[in-house]
Amino acid sequence: MRKKILTSREQEVFELLVLNKSTEEISEFLGISEKTVRNHISNAMQKLGVKGRAQAVVELLKLGEISLD
């Protein structure tokens, strides 16, 4: 089994992003601040070596970290 790239929280955030949720909606849903949501997104993008959310989503889909189900 391969090692996961994202933390479980980062994965949750991106799964909600794929569902077209805003930073505000994600923060309310997960009970965390909007800044924390942005930090999770930023950390994940840094791990993936990408510059934007859309590029991060594409990479995560390719890696099987998130799905569109």
PDB file of N, CA and C in Angstrom:
ATOM      1  N   MET A   1       0.840  -1.190   0.000  1.00  0.00           N
ATOM      2  CA  MET A   1       0.000   0.000   0.000  1.00  0.00           C
ATOM      3  C   MET A   1       0.878   1.245   0.000  1.00  0.00           C
ATOM      4  N   ARG A   2       0.563   2.191  -0.867  1.00  0.00           N
ATOM      5  CA  ARG A   2       1.393   3.388  -0.944  1.00  0.00           C
ATOM      6  C   ARG A   2       1.003   4.402   0.119  1.00  0.00           C
ATOM      7  N   LYS A   3       1.959   5.238   0.457  1.00  0.00           N
ATOM      8  CA  LYS A   3       1.742   6.254   1.492  1.00  0.00           C
ATOM      9  C   LYS A   3       0.872   7.385   0.950  1.00  0.00           C
ATOM     10  N   LYS A   4      -0.049   7.852   1.768  1.00  0.00           N
ATOM     11  CA  LYS A   4      -0.905   8.971   1.392  1.00  0.00           C
ATOM     12  C   LYS A   4      -0.081  10.262   1.417  1.00  0.00           C
ATOM     13  N   ILE A   5      -0.399  11.166   0.507  1.00  0.00           N
ATOM     14  CA  ILE A   5       0.300  12.443   0.451  1.00  0.00           C
ATOM     15  C   ILE A   5      -0.343  13.449   1.394  1.00  0.00           C
ATOM     16  N   LEU A   6      -1.660  13.482   1.408  1.00  0.00           N
ATOM     17  CA  LEU A   6      -2.397  14.458   2.206  1.00  0.00           C
ATOM     18  C   LEU A   6      -2.747  13.931   3.581  1.00  0.00           C
ATOM     19  N   THR A   7      -2.885  14.860   4.519  1.00  0.00           N
ATOM     20  CA  THR A   7      -3.449  14.489   5.819  1.00  0.00           C
ATOM     21  C   THR A   7      -4.941  14.242   5.596  1.00  0.00           C
ATOM     22  N   SER A   8      -5.588  13.615   6.540  1.00  0.00           N
ATOM     23  CA  SER A   8      -7.022  13.350   6.382  1.00  0.00           C
ATOM     24  C   SER A   8      -7.808  14.662   6.281  1.00  0.00           C
ATOM     25  N   ARG A   9      -7.399  15.686   6.992  1.00  0.00           N
ATOM     26  CA  ARG A   9      -8.102  16.976   6.946  1.00  0.00           C
ATOM     27  C   ARG A   9      -7.899  17.658   5.593  1.00  0.00           C
ATOM     28  N   GLU A  10      -6.671  17.624   5.068  1.00  0.00           N
ATOM     29  CA  GLU A  10      -6.422  18.190   3.747  1.00  0.00           C
ATOM     30  C   GLU A  10      -7.272  17.475   2.699  1.00  0.00           C
ATOM     31  N   GLN A  11      -7.369  16.176   2.830  1.00  0.00           N
ATOM     32  CA  GLN A  11      -8.179  15.390   1.898  1.00  0.00           C
ATOM     33  C   GLN A  11      -9.646  15.801   1.999  1.00  0.00           C
ATOM     34  N   GLU A  12     -10.147  15.971   3.215  1.00  0.00           N
ATOM     35  CA  GLU A  12     -11.534  16.412   3.406  1.00  0.00           C
ATOM     36  C   GLU A  12     -11.785  17.750   2.718  1.00  0.00           C
ATOM     37  N   VAL A  13     -10.843  18.680   2.895  1.00  0.00           N
ATOM     38  CA  VAL A  13     -10.982  20.010   2.302  1.00  0.00           C
ATOM     39  C   VAL A  13     -11.059  19.909   0.783  1.00  0.00           C
ATOM     40  N   PHE A  14     -10.168  19.114   0.182  1.00  0.00           N
ATOM     41  CA  PHE A  14     -10.175  18.998  -1.273  1.00  0.00           C
ATOM     42  C   PHE A  14     -11.399  18.254  -1.792  1.00  0.00           C
ATOM     43  N   GLU A  15     -11.894  17.297  -1.035  1.00  0.00           N
ATOM     44  CA  GLU A  15     -13.111  16.613  -1.451  1.00  0.00           C
ATOM     45  C   GLU A  15     -14.288  17.592  -1.484  1.00  0.00           C
ATOM     46  N   LEU A  16     -14.294  18.546  -0.557  1.00  0.00           N
ATOM     47  CA  LEU A  16     -15.347  19.566  -0.549  1.00  0.00           C
ATOM     48  C   LEU A  16     -15.129  20.587  -1.665  1.00  0.00           C
ATOM     49  N   LEU A  17     -13.874  20.908  -1.955  1.00  0.00           N
ATOM     50  CA  LEU A  17     -13.582  21.807  -3.075  1.00  0.00           C
ATOM     51  C   LEU A  17     -14.093  21.222  -4.385  1.00  0.00           C
ATOM     52  N   VAL A  18     -13.895  19.924  -4.558  1.00  0.00           N
ATOM     53  CA  VAL A  18     -14.361  19.242  -5.774  1.00  0.00           C
ATOM     54  C   VAL A  18     -15.874  19.345  -5.900  1.00  0.00           C
ATOM     55  N   LEU A  19     -16.556  19.439  -4.770  1.00  0.00           N
ATOM     56  CA  LEU A  19     -18.021  19.589  -4.773  1.00  0.00           C
ATOM     57  C   LEU A  19     -18.435  21.053  -4.942  1.00  0.00           C
ATOM     58  N   ASN A  20     -17.453  21.898  -5.306  1.00  0.00           N
ATOM     59  CA  ASN A  20     -17.688  23.317  -5.584  1.00  0.00           C
ATOM     60  C   ASN A  20     -18.075  24.118  -4.343  1.00  0.00           C
ATOM     61  N   LYS A  21     -17.574  23.692  -3.195  1.00  0.00           N
ATOM     62  CA  LYS A  21     -17.825  24.428  -1.957  1.00  0.00           C
ATOM     63  C   LYS A  21     -16.808  25.564  -1.832  1.00  0.00           C
ATOM     64  N   SER A  22     -17.254  26.687  -1.293  1.00  0.00           N
ATOM     65  CA  SER A  22     -16.364  27.833  -1.083  1.00  0.00           C
ATOM     66  C   SER A  22     -15.558  27.627   0.200  1.00  0.00           C
ATOM     67  N   THR A  23     -14.527  28.457   0.353  1.00  0.00           N
ATOM     68  CA  THR A  23     -13.725  28.409   1.582  1.00  0.00           C
ATOM     69  C   THR A  23     -14.619  28.617   2.795  1.00  0.00           C
ATOM     70  N   GLU A  24     -15.544  29.562   2.685  1.00  0.00           N
ATOM     71  CA  GLU A  24     -16.466  29.839   3.794  1.00  0.00           C
ATOM     72  C   GLU A  24     -17.351  28.624   4.094  1.00  0.00           C
ATOM     73  N   GLU A  25     -17.903  28.009   3.056  1.00  0.00           N
ATOM     74  CA  GLU A  25     -18.760  26.830   3.250  1.00  0.00           C
ATOM     75  C   GLU A  25     -17.977  25.674   3.864  1.00  0.00           C
ATOM     76  N   ILE A  26     -16.736  25.483   3.412  1.00  0.00           N
ATOM     77  CA  ILE A  26     -15.895  24.407   3.956  1.00  0.00           C
ATOM     78  C   ILE A  26     -15.616  24.662   5.430  1.00  0.00           C
ATOM     79  N   SER A  27     -15.300  25.906   5.772  1.00  0.00           N
ATOM     80  CA  SER A  27     -14.986  26.219   7.170  1.00  0.00           C
ATOM     81  C   SER A  27     -16.192  25.967   8.067  1.00  0.00           C
ATOM     82  N   GLU A  28     -17.365  26.348   7.597  1.00  0.00           N
ATOM     83  CA  GLU A  28     -18.587  26.119   8.383  1.00  0.00           C
ATOM     84  C   GLU A  28     -18.876  24.630   8.516  1.00  0.00           C
ATOM     85  N   PHE A  29     -18.744  23.894   7.419  1.00  0.00           N
ATOM     86  CA  PHE A  29     -19.033  22.457   7.422  1.00  0.00           C
ATOM     87  C   PHE A  29     -18.092  21.695   8.358  1.00  0.00           C
ATOM     88  N   LEU A  30     -16.790  22.054   8.332  1.00  0.00           N
ATOM     89  CA  LEU A  30     -15.803  21.339   9.147  1.00  0.00           C
ATOM     90  C   LEU A  30     -15.624  21.939  10.541  1.00  0.00           C
ATOM     91  N   GLY A  31     -16.209  23.097  10.784  1.00  0.00           N
ATOM     92  CA  GLY A  31     -16.092  23.737  12.088  1.00  0.00           C
ATOM     93  C   GLY A  31     -14.701  24.284  12.354  1.00  0.00           C
ATOM     94  N   ILE A  32     -14.052  24.790  11.299  1.00  0.00           N
ATOM     95  CA  ILE A  32     -12.719  25.381  11.430  1.00  0.00           C
ATOM     96  C   ILE A  32     -12.745  26.762  10.773  1.00  0.00           C
ATOM     97  N   SER A  33     -11.750  27.583  11.034  1.00  0.00           N
ATOM     98  CA  SER A  33     -11.739  28.931  10.468  1.00  0.00           C
ATOM     99  C   SER A  33     -11.415  28.900   8.971  1.00  0.00           C
ATOM    100  N   GLU A  34     -11.786  29.980   8.290  1.00  0.00           N
ATOM    101  CA  GLU A  34     -11.469  30.086   6.863  1.00  0.00           C
ATOM    102  C   GLU A  34      -9.949  30.097   6.656  1.00  0.00           C
ATOM    103  N   LYS A  35      -9.225  30.710   7.574  1.00  0.00           N
ATOM    104  CA  LYS A  35      -7.762  30.744   7.469  1.00  0.00           C
ATOM    105  C   LYS A  35      -7.195  29.326   7.551  1.00  0.00           C
ATOM    106  N   THR A  36      -7.742  28.507   8.407  1.00  0.00           N
ATOM    107  CA  THR A  36      -7.283  27.125   8.522  1.00  0.00           C
ATOM    108  C   THR A  36      -7.572  26.359   7.229  1.00  0.00           C
ATOM    109  N   VAL A  37      -8.731  26.606   6.633  1.00  0.00           N
ATOM    110  CA  VAL A  37      -9.050  25.973   5.344  1.00  0.00           C
ATOM    111  C   VAL A  37      -8.003  26.378   4.314  1.00  0.00           C
ATOM    112  N   ARG A  38      -7.720  27.676   4.225  1.00  0.00           N
ATOM    113  CA  ARG A  38      -6.723  28.154   3.264  1.00  0.00           C
ATOM    114  C   ARG A  38      -5.345  27.557   3.547  1.00  0.00           C
ATOM    115  N   ASN A  39      -5.006  27.395   4.824  1.00  0.00           N
ATOM    116  CA  ASN A  39      -3.718  26.779   5.189  1.00  0.00           C
ATOM    117  C   ASN A  39      -3.657  25.326   4.718  1.00  0.00           C
ATOM    118  N   HIS A  40      -4.738  24.588   4.887  1.00  0.00           N
ATOM    119  CA  HIS A  40      -4.773  23.187   4.426  1.00  0.00           C
ATOM    120  C   HIS A  40      -4.583  23.122   2.910  1.00  0.00           C
ATOM    121  N   ILE A  41      -5.253  24.024   2.193  1.00  0.00           N
ATOM    122  CA  ILE A  41      -5.127  24.063   0.734  1.00  0.00           C
ATOM    123  C   ILE A  41      -3.695  24.404   0.339  1.00  0.00           C
ATOM    124  N   SER A  42      -3.137  25.408   0.985  1.00  0.00           N
ATOM    125  CA  SER A  42      -1.768  25.839   0.694  1.00  0.00           C
ATOM    126  C   SER A  42      -0.758  24.733   0.981  1.00  0.00           C
ATOM    127  N   ASN A  43      -0.916  24.065   2.119  1.00  0.00           N
ATOM    128  CA  ASN A  43      -0.002  22.966   2.479  1.00  0.00           C
ATOM    129  C   ASN A  43      -0.063  21.840   1.451  1.00  0.00           C
ATOM    130  N   ALA A  44      -1.264  21.506   1.023  1.00  0.00           N
ATOM    131  CA  ALA A  44      -1.437  20.434   0.038  1.00  0.00           C
ATOM    132  C   ALA A  44      -0.801  20.837  -1.290  1.00  0.00           C
ATOM    133  N   MET A  45      -1.010  22.084  -1.711  1.00  0.00           N
ATOM    134  CA  MET A  45      -0.429  22.543  -2.976  1.00  0.00           C
ATOM    135  C   MET A  45       1.098  22.518  -2.908  1.00  0.00           C
ATOM    136  N   GLN A  46       1.641  22.877  -1.765  1.00  0.00           N
ATOM    137  CA  GLN A  46       3.093  22.845  -1.591  1.00  0.00           C
ATOM    138  C   GLN A  46       3.616  21.402  -1.675  1.00  0.00           C
ATOM    139  N   LYS A  47       2.938  20.478  -1.040  1.00  0.00           N
ATOM    140  CA  LYS A  47       3.336  19.064  -1.092  1.00  0.00           C
ATOM    141  C   LYS A  47       3.325  18.537  -2.521  1.00  0.00           C
ATOM    142  N   LEU A  48       2.345  19.006  -3.305  1.00  0.00           N
ATOM    143  CA  LEU A  48       2.180  18.537  -4.679  1.00  0.00           C
ATOM    144  C   LEU A  48       3.059  19.292  -5.672  1.00  0.00           C
ATOM    145  N   GLY A  49       3.603  20.426  -5.247  1.00  0.00           N
ATOM    146  CA  GLY A  49       4.438  21.231  -6.131  1.00  0.00           C
ATOM    147  C   GLY A  49       3.635  21.914  -7.226  1.00  0.00           C
ATOM    148  N   VAL A  50       2.412  22.340  -6.895  1.00  0.00           N
ATOM    149  CA  VAL A  50       1.554  23.012  -7.873  1.00  0.00           C
ATOM    150  C   VAL A  50       1.248  24.432  -7.409  1.00  0.00           C
ATOM    151  N   LYS A  51       0.748  25.232  -8.338  1.00  0.00           N
ATOM    152  CA  LYS A  51       0.536  26.650  -8.037  1.00  0.00           C
ATOM    153  C   LYS A  51      -0.912  27.054  -7.794  1.00  0.00           C
ATOM    154  N   GLY A  52      -1.864  26.210  -8.138  1.00  0.00           N
ATOM    155  CA  GLY A  52      -3.261  26.597  -7.960  1.00  0.00           C
ATOM    156  C   GLY A  52      -4.127  25.450  -7.499  1.00  0.00           C
ATOM    157  N   ARG A  53      -5.306  25.806  -7.041  1.00  0.00           N
ATOM    158  CA  ARG A  53      -6.250  24.799  -6.538  1.00  0.00           C
ATOM    159  C   ARG A  53      -6.651  23.812  -7.627  1.00  0.00           C
ATOM    160  N   ALA A  54      -6.924  24.341  -8.825  1.00  0.00           N
ATOM    161  CA  ALA A  54      -7.359  23.465  -9.922  1.00  0.00           C
ATOM    162  C   ALA A  54      -6.272  22.461 -10.274  1.00  0.00           C
ATOM    163  N   GLN A  55      -5.038  22.926 -10.346  1.00  0.00           N
ATOM    164  CA  GLN A  55      -3.919  22.029 -10.645  1.00  0.00           C
ATOM    165  C   GLN A  55      -3.758  20.991  -9.533  1.00  0.00           C
ATOM    166  N   ALA A  56      -3.964  21.406  -8.289  1.00  0.00           N
ATOM    167  CA  ALA A  56      -3.874  20.476  -7.161  1.00  0.00           C
ATOM    168  C   ALA A  56      -4.944  19.395  -7.284  1.00  0.00           C
ATOM    169  N   VAL A  57      -6.162  19.791  -7.646  1.00  0.00           N
ATOM    170  CA  VAL A  57      -7.249  18.818  -7.806  1.00  0.00           C
ATOM    171  C   VAL A  57      -6.901  17.800  -8.883  1.00  0.00           C
ATOM    172  N   VAL A  58      -6.381  18.290 -10.016  1.00  0.00           N
ATOM    173  CA  VAL A  58      -6.001  17.387 -11.112  1.00  0.00           C
ATOM    174  C   VAL A  58      -4.962  16.380 -10.626  1.00  0.00           C
ATOM    175  N   GLU A  59      -3.933  16.851  -9.941  1.00  0.00           N
ATOM    176  CA  GLU A  59      -2.871  15.963  -9.439  1.00  0.00           C
ATOM    177  C   GLU A  59      -3.425  14.961  -8.431  1.00  0.00           C
ATOM    178  N   LEU A  60      -4.279  15.412  -7.542  1.00  0.00           N
ATOM    179  CA  LEU A  60      -4.850  14.523  -6.523  1.00  0.00           C
ATOM    180  C   LEU A  60      -5.732  13.459  -7.149  1.00  0.00           C
ATOM    181  N   LEU A  61      -6.453  13.821  -8.199  1.00  0.00           N
ATOM    182  CA  LEU A  61      -7.263  12.827  -8.920  1.00  0.00           C
ATOM    183  C   LEU A  61      -6.353  11.795  -9.583  1.00  0.00           C
ATOM    184  N   LYS A  62      -5.288  12.262 -10.225  1.00  0.00           N
ATOM    185  CA  LYS A  62      -4.330  11.349 -10.885  1.00  0.00           C
ATOM    186  C   LYS A  62      -3.715  10.383  -9.883  1.00  0.00           C
ATOM    187  N   LEU A  63      -3.412  10.891  -8.690  1.00  0.00           N
ATOM    188  CA  LEU A  63      -2.767  10.078  -7.649  1.00  0.00           C
ATOM    189  C   LEU A  63      -3.755   9.202  -6.873  1.00  0.00           C
ATOM    190  N   GLY A  64      -5.043   9.415  -7.112  1.00  0.00           N
ATOM    191  CA  GLY A  64      -6.051   8.627  -6.392  1.00  0.00           C
ATOM    192  C   GLY A  64      -6.262   9.078  -4.959  1.00  0.00           C
ATOM    193  N   GLU A  65      -5.807  10.291  -4.637  1.00  0.00           N
ATOM    194  CA  GLU A  65      -5.982  10.827  -3.280  1.00  0.00           C
ATOM    195  C   GLU A  65      -7.424  11.277  -3.033  1.00  0.00           C
ATOM    196  N   ILE A  66      -8.067  11.750  -4.100  1.00  0.00           N
ATOM    197  CA  ILE A  66      -9.470  12.143  -4.030  1.00  0.00           C
ATOM    198  C   ILE A  66     -10.173  11.544  -5.253  1.00  0.00           C
ATOM    199  N   SER A  67     -11.492  11.519  -5.192  1.00  0.00           N
ATOM    200  CA  SER A  67     -12.247  11.018  -6.347  1.00  0.00           C
ATOM    201  C   SER A  67     -13.429  11.938  -6.596  1.00  0.00           C
ATOM    202  N   LEU A  68     -14.054  11.764  -7.727  1.00  0.00           N
ATOM    203  CA  LEU A  68     -15.206  12.592  -8.095  1.00  0.00           C
ATOM    204  C   LEU A  68     -16.524  11.910  -7.751  1.00  0.00           C
ATOM    205  N   ASP A  69     -16.482  10.799  -7.021  1.00  0.00           N
ATOM    206  CA  ASP A  69     -17.690  10.044  -6.670  1.00  0.00           C
ATOM    207  C   ASP A  69     -18.530  10.797  -5.666  1.00  0.00           C
TER     208      ASP A  69
END
